[in-house]
C-alpha atoms as a PDB file:
ATOM      1  CA  MET A   1       0.001   0.004  -0.007  1.00  0.00           C
ATOM      2  CA  SER A   2       2.913   2.379   0.678  1.00  0.00           C
ATOM      3  CA  LEU A   3       4.018   2.132  -2.971  1.00  0.00           C
ATOM      4  CA  VAL A   4       0.560   3.273  -4.058  1.00  0.00           C
ATOM      5  CA  ARG A   5       0.869   6.257  -1.765  1.00  0.00           C
ATOM      6  CA  VAL A   6       4.269   7.019  -3.313  1.00  0.00           C
ATOM      7  CA  LEU A   7       2.616   6.946  -6.703  1.00  0.00           C
ATOM      8  CA  VAL A   8      -0.196   9.172  -5.556  1.00  0.00           C
ATOM      9  CA  ALA A   9       2.452  11.575  -4.354  1.00  0.00           C
ATOM     10  CA  LEU A  10       4.037  11.621  -7.757  1.00  0.00           C
ATOM     11  CA  VAL A  11       0.760  12.492  -9.320  1.00  0.00           C
ATOM     12  CA  ALA A  12       0.318  15.341  -6.952  1.00  0.00           C
ATOM     13  CA  VAL A  13       3.728  16.701  -7.705  1.00  0.00           C
ATOM     14  CA  GLY A  14       3.002  16.702 -11.370  1.00  0.00           C
ATOM     15  CA  GLY A  15      -0.028  18.935 -11.096  1.00  0.00           C
ATOM     16  CA  ALA A  16       1.758  21.397  -8.892  1.00  0.00           C
ATOM     17  CA  VAL A  17       4.519  22.268 -11.300  1.00  0.00           C
ATOM     18  CA  ALA A  18       2.412  24.729 -13.247  1.00  0.00           C
ATOM     19  CA  ALA A  19       3.741  28.269 -13.081  1.00  0.00           C
ATOM     20  CA  GLN A  20       2.092  30.810 -10.784  1.00  0.00           C
ATOM     21  CA  ASP A  21       0.925  32.894 -13.751  1.00  0.00           C
ATOM     22  CA  LYS A  22      -0.864  29.944 -15.323  1.00  0.00           C
ATOM     23  CA  PRO A  23      -4.585  29.455 -14.951  1.00  0.00           C
ATOM     24  CA  ALA A  24      -5.889  26.983 -12.380  1.00  0.00           C
ATOM     25  CA  GLY A  25      -5.448  23.437 -13.654  1.00  0.00           C
ATOM     26  CA  ASP A  26      -2.679  24.273 -16.145  1.00  0.00           C
ATOM     27  CA  ALA A  27      -0.017  21.617 -15.524  1.00  0.00           C
ATOM     28  CA  SER A  28       1.630  21.748 -18.975  1.00  0.00           C
ATOM     29  CA  PRO A  29       5.108  22.474 -17.511  1.00  0.00           C
ATOM     30  CA  LEU A  30       4.835  19.150 -15.707  1.00  0.00           C
ATOM     31  CA  ALA A  31       4.974  16.996 -18.849  1.00  0.00           C
ATOM     32  CA  GLY A  32       7.935  14.656 -18.834  1.00  0.00           C
ATOM     33  CA  LYS A  33       9.679  12.132 -16.609  1.00  0.00           C
ATOM     34  CA  TRP A  34      10.237  12.689 -12.891  1.00  0.00           C
ATOM     35  CA  LYS A  35      12.292  10.531 -10.515  1.00  0.00           C
ATOM     36  CA  VAL A  36      11.610  10.227  -6.780  1.00  0.00           C
ATOM     37  CA  THR A  37      14.851  11.082  -4.903  1.00  0.00           C
ATOM     38  CA  ALA A  38      13.706  11.334  -1.265  1.00  0.00           C
ATOM     39  CA  GLY A  39      10.590  10.572   0.729  1.00  0.00           C
ATOM     40  CA  ALA A  40       9.026  10.373   4.170  1.00  0.00           C
ATOM     41  CA  LYS A  41       5.893   8.618   5.397  1.00  0.00           C
ATOM     42  CA  ASN A  42       4.294   9.668   8.694  1.00  0.00           C
ATOM     43  CA  GLY A  43       7.544  11.437   9.647  1.00  0.00           C
ATOM     44  CA  GLU A  44       9.853   8.499   8.908  1.00  0.00           C
ATOM     45  CA  ARG A  45      12.289   8.445   5.972  1.00  0.00           C
ATOM     46  CA  MET A  46      11.434   5.896   3.327  1.00  0.00           C
ATOM     47  CA  ASP A  47      13.833   3.153   2.272  1.00  0.00           C
ATOM     48  CA  GLU A  48      15.988   4.339  -0.644  1.00  0.00           C
ATOM     49  CA  SER A  49      15.179   1.154  -2.596  1.00  0.00           C
ATOM     50  CA  LYS A  50      11.603   2.446  -2.960  1.00  0.00           C
ATOM     51  CA  LEU A  51      12.633   5.876  -4.185  1.00  0.00           C
ATOM     52  CA  ASN A  52      14.017   5.271  -7.666  1.00  0.00           C
ATOM     53  CA  GLU A  53      10.757   4.990  -9.562  1.00  0.00           C
ATOM     54  CA  VAL A  54      10.118   7.219 -12.578  1.00  0.00           C
ATOM     55  CA  ALA A  55       6.720   8.698 -13.294  1.00  0.00           C
ATOM     56  CA  VAL A  56       5.637   9.983 -16.714  1.00  0.00           C
ATOM     57  CA  PHE A  57       3.370  13.029 -16.573  1.00  0.00           C
ATOM     58  CA  THR A  58       0.995  14.398 -19.182  1.00  0.00           C
ATOM     59  CA  LYS A  59      -1.255  17.427 -18.685  1.00  0.00           C
ATOM     60  CA  ASP A  60      -3.758  15.444 -16.590  1.00  0.00           C
ATOM     61  CA  LYS A  61      -2.432  11.909 -16.050  1.00  0.00           C
ATOM     62  CA  VAL A  62       0.529  10.124 -14.500  1.00  0.00           C
ATOM     63  CA  THR A  63       1.672   6.613 -15.350  1.00  0.00           C
ATOM     64  CA  MET A  64       4.280   4.562 -13.535  1.00  0.00           C
ATOM     65  CA  LYS A  65       5.602   1.029 -13.842  1.00  0.00           C
ATOM     66  CA  THR A  66       6.942  -0.489 -10.648  1.00  0.00           C
ATOM     67  CA  PRO A  67       7.932  -3.978  -9.466  1.00  0.00           C
ATOM     68  CA  ASP A  68       4.419  -4.103  -7.944  1.00  0.00           C
ATOM     69  CA  GLY A  69       2.707  -3.378 -11.285  1.00  0.00           C
ATOM     70  CA  ALA A  70       1.539  -0.503 -13.463  1.00  0.00           C
ATOM     71  CA  PHE A  71      -0.182   2.518 -11.950  1.00  0.00           C
ATOM     72  CA  GLU A  72      -2.190   5.338 -13.477  1.00  0.00           C
ATOM     73  CA  PHE A  73      -3.596   8.477 -11.856  1.00  0.00           C
ATOM     74  CA  THR A  74      -5.566  11.472 -12.984  1.00  0.00           C
ATOM     75  CA  TYR A  75      -5.043  14.839 -11.346  1.00  0.00           C
ATOM     76  CA  THR A  76      -6.074  18.460 -11.317  1.00  0.00           C
ATOM     77  CA  ALA A  77      -3.969  21.354 -10.102  1.00  0.00           C
ATOM     78  CA  ASP A  78      -4.664  24.878  -8.932  1.00  0.00           C
ATOM     79  CA  ALA A  79      -1.626  26.900  -9.996  1.00  0.00           C
ATOM     80  CA  LYS A  80      -3.089  30.071  -8.490  1.00  0.00           C
ATOM     81  CA  ALA A  81      -3.274  28.676  -4.948  1.00  0.00           C
ATOM     82  CA  THR A  82      -0.393  29.364  -2.565  1.00  0.00           C
ATOM     83  CA  PRO A  83       1.061  26.881  -2.140  1.00  0.00           C
ATOM     84  CA  MET A  84      -0.109  25.205  -5.337  1.00  0.00           C
ATOM     85  CA  THR A  85      -2.680  22.453  -4.682  1.00  0.00           C
ATOM     86  CA  VAL A  86      -3.338  19.125  -6.382  1.00  0.00           C
ATOM     87  CA  ASP A  87      -6.193  16.617  -6.246  1.00  0.00           C
ATOM     88  CA  MET A  88      -5.360  13.074  -7.346  1.00  0.00           C
ATOM     89  CA  THR A  89      -7.436   9.977  -8.153  1.00  0.00           C
ATOM     90  CA  VAL A  90      -6.170   6.429  -8.802  1.00  0.00           C
ATOM     91  CA  VAL A  91      -7.357   4.938 -12.109  1.00  0.00           C
ATOM     92  CA  LYS A  92      -5.266   1.714 -12.115  1.00  0.00           C
ATOM     93  CA  PRO A  93      -4.839  -0.827 -10.660  1.00  0.00           C
ATOM     94  CA  ASP A  94      -8.448  -1.738 -10.059  1.00  0.00           C
ATOM     95  CA  MET A  95      -7.849  -2.644  -6.398  1.00  0.00           C
ATOM     96  CA  PHE A  96      -7.090   1.051  -5.658  1.00  0.00           C
ATOM     97  CA  LYS A  97      -9.358   2.608  -8.285  1.00  0.00           C
ATOM     98  CA  GLY A  98     -11.087   5.717  -7.036  1.00  0.00           C
ATOM     99  CA  ALA A  99      -8.712   6.338  -4.101  1.00  0.00           C
ATOM    100  CA  LYS A 100      -8.100  10.066  -3.647  1.00  0.00           C
ATOM    101  CA  ALA A 101      -5.360  12.230  -2.171  1.00  0.00           C
ATOM    102  CA  LEU A 102      -5.089  15.973  -1.526  1.00  0.00           C
ATOM    103  CA  GLY A 103      -1.723  17.702  -1.675  1.00  0.00           C
ATOM    104  CA  ILE A 104       0.446  20.756  -2.081  1.00  0.00           C
ATOM    105  CA  VAL A 105       3.522  21.249  -4.277  1.00  0.00           C
ATOM    106  CA  LYS A 106       6.385  23.662  -4.832  1.00  0.00           C
ATOM    107  CA  VAL A 107       8.925  23.683  -7.641  1.00  0.00           C
ATOM    108  CA  THR A 108      12.433  25.071  -7.486  1.00  0.00           C
ATOM    109  CA  GLY A 109      14.453  24.632 -10.693  1.00  0.00           C
ATOM    110  CA  THR A 110      14.231  20.956 -11.642  1.00  0.00           C
ATOM    111  CA  ALA A 111      13.241  19.826  -8.140  1.00  0.00           C
ATOM    112  CA  MET A 112       9.683  19.384  -6.910  1.00  0.00           C
ATOM    113  CA  THR A 113       8.548  18.965  -3.326  1.00  0.00           C
ATOM    114  CA  LEU A 114       5.216  17.272  -2.792  1.00  0.00           C
ATOM    115  CA  CYS A 115       3.275  16.790   0.421  1.00  0.00           C
ATOM    116  CA  TYR A 116      -0.082  14.997   0.454  1.00  0.00           C
ATOM    117  CA  ASN A 117      -2.576  13.151   2.589  1.00  0.00           C
ATOM    118  CA  ALA A 118      -3.910   9.874   1.202  1.00  0.00           C
ATOM    119  CA  GLU A 119      -5.985   8.969   4.244  1.00  0.00           C
ATOM    120  CA  LYS A 120      -9.704   8.484   3.640  1.00  0.00           C
ATOM    121  CA  ASP A 121     -11.303  11.844   4.381  1.00  0.00           C
ATOM    122  CA  GLY A 122      -7.796  13.245   5.010  1.00  0.00           C
ATOM    123  CA  LYS A 123      -7.250  16.999   4.985  1.00  0.00           C
ATOM    124  CA  ARG A 124      -4.972  18.779   2.544  1.00  0.00           C
ATOM    125  CA  PRO A 125      -1.660  19.700   4.218  1.00  0.00           C
ATOM    126  CA  THR A 126      -0.873  23.392   4.623  1.00  0.00           C
ATOM    127  CA  ILE A 127       2.894  23.012   5.129  1.00  0.00           C
ATOM    128  CA  PHE A 128       5.554  20.760   3.591  1.00  0.00           C
ATOM    129  CA  GLN A 129       5.991  18.398   6.518  1.00  0.00           C
ATOM    130  CA  SER A 130       5.471  14.701   7.190  1.00  0.00           C
ATOM    131  CA  SER A 131       4.781  13.643  10.774  1.00  0.00           C
ATOM    132  CA  LYS A 132       2.970  10.958  12.751  1.00  0.00           C
ATOM    133  CA  ASP A 133       0.352  13.553  13.654  1.00  0.00           C
ATOM    134  CA  ASN A 134      -0.496  14.764  10.124  1.00  0.00           C
ATOM    135  CA  LYS A 135      -0.099  11.306   8.462  1.00  0.00           C
ATOM    136  CA  CYS A 136       1.273  12.975   5.335  1.00  0.00           C
ATOM    137  CA  PHE A 137       3.736  11.807   2.763  1.00  0.00           C
ATOM    138  CA  LEU A 138       6.543  14.144   1.693  1.00  0.00           C
ATOM    139  CA  PHE A 139       8.542  13.585  -1.497  1.00  0.00           C
ATOM    140  CA  VAL A 140      11.252  15.285  -3.514  1.00  0.00           C
ATOM    141  CA  LEU A 141      11.390  14.556  -7.246  1.00  0.00           C
ATOM    142  CA  GLU A 142      13.877  15.487  -9.921  1.00  0.00           C
ATOM    143  CA  LYS A 143      12.949  16.143 -13.541  1.00  0.00           C
ATOM    144  CA  GLN A 144      14.753  13.774 -15.885  1.00  0.00           C
ATOM    145  CA  PRO A 145      16.315  14.973 -19.151  1.00  0.00           C
ATOM    146  CA  GLU A 146      14.247  14.395 -22.258  1.00  0.00           C
ATOM    147  CA  ALA A 147      15.620  12.083 -24.934  1.00  0.00           C
ATOM    148  CA  LYS A 148      16.545  13.945 -28.082  1.00  0.00           C
ATOM    149  CA  LYS A 149      14.204  13.041 -30.925  1.00  0.00           C
ATOM    150  CA  ASP A 150      17.007  12.867 -33.521  1.00  0.00           C
ATOM    151  CA  GLU A 151      19.105  10.407 -31.529  1.00  0.00           C
ATOM    152  CA  PRO A 152      18.486   6.680 -32.009  1.00  0.00           C
ATOM    153  CA  LYS A 153      17.487   4.801 -28.852  1.00  0.00           C
ATOM    154  CA  LYS A 154      20.208   2.613 -27.400  1.00  0.00           C
END
């Protein structure tokens, strides 16, 4: 279940990357590949072996393949909120379909920081902090370079 929450976090991060001058819901700057580089769950650092997954973001969807299977999420973002907010919903796998998470995101250069609550009826965090009390997840992701279209794949 913790891997699903990691994935939900990735979705949230994606929606939050939109620039402050973009309209609510505009996550176009998010498109691309993002790698999880650090994470915490309920205030405890996550094992590094679970932090190397790469998520592919489009304007409204995130997909991710993990050792536990393929995951897909939809999301919406409010780029005008401070901090930026994201609402995520699991589409696949079926066993988690419909699960929701509320989060906040900030972007600095190629790094994103995402904090979200995936508890049923959980409240959106207001600060970037993971603790036993708030039951939030906190992740840092790094944007991965895009492959050049003219170069053959190796």
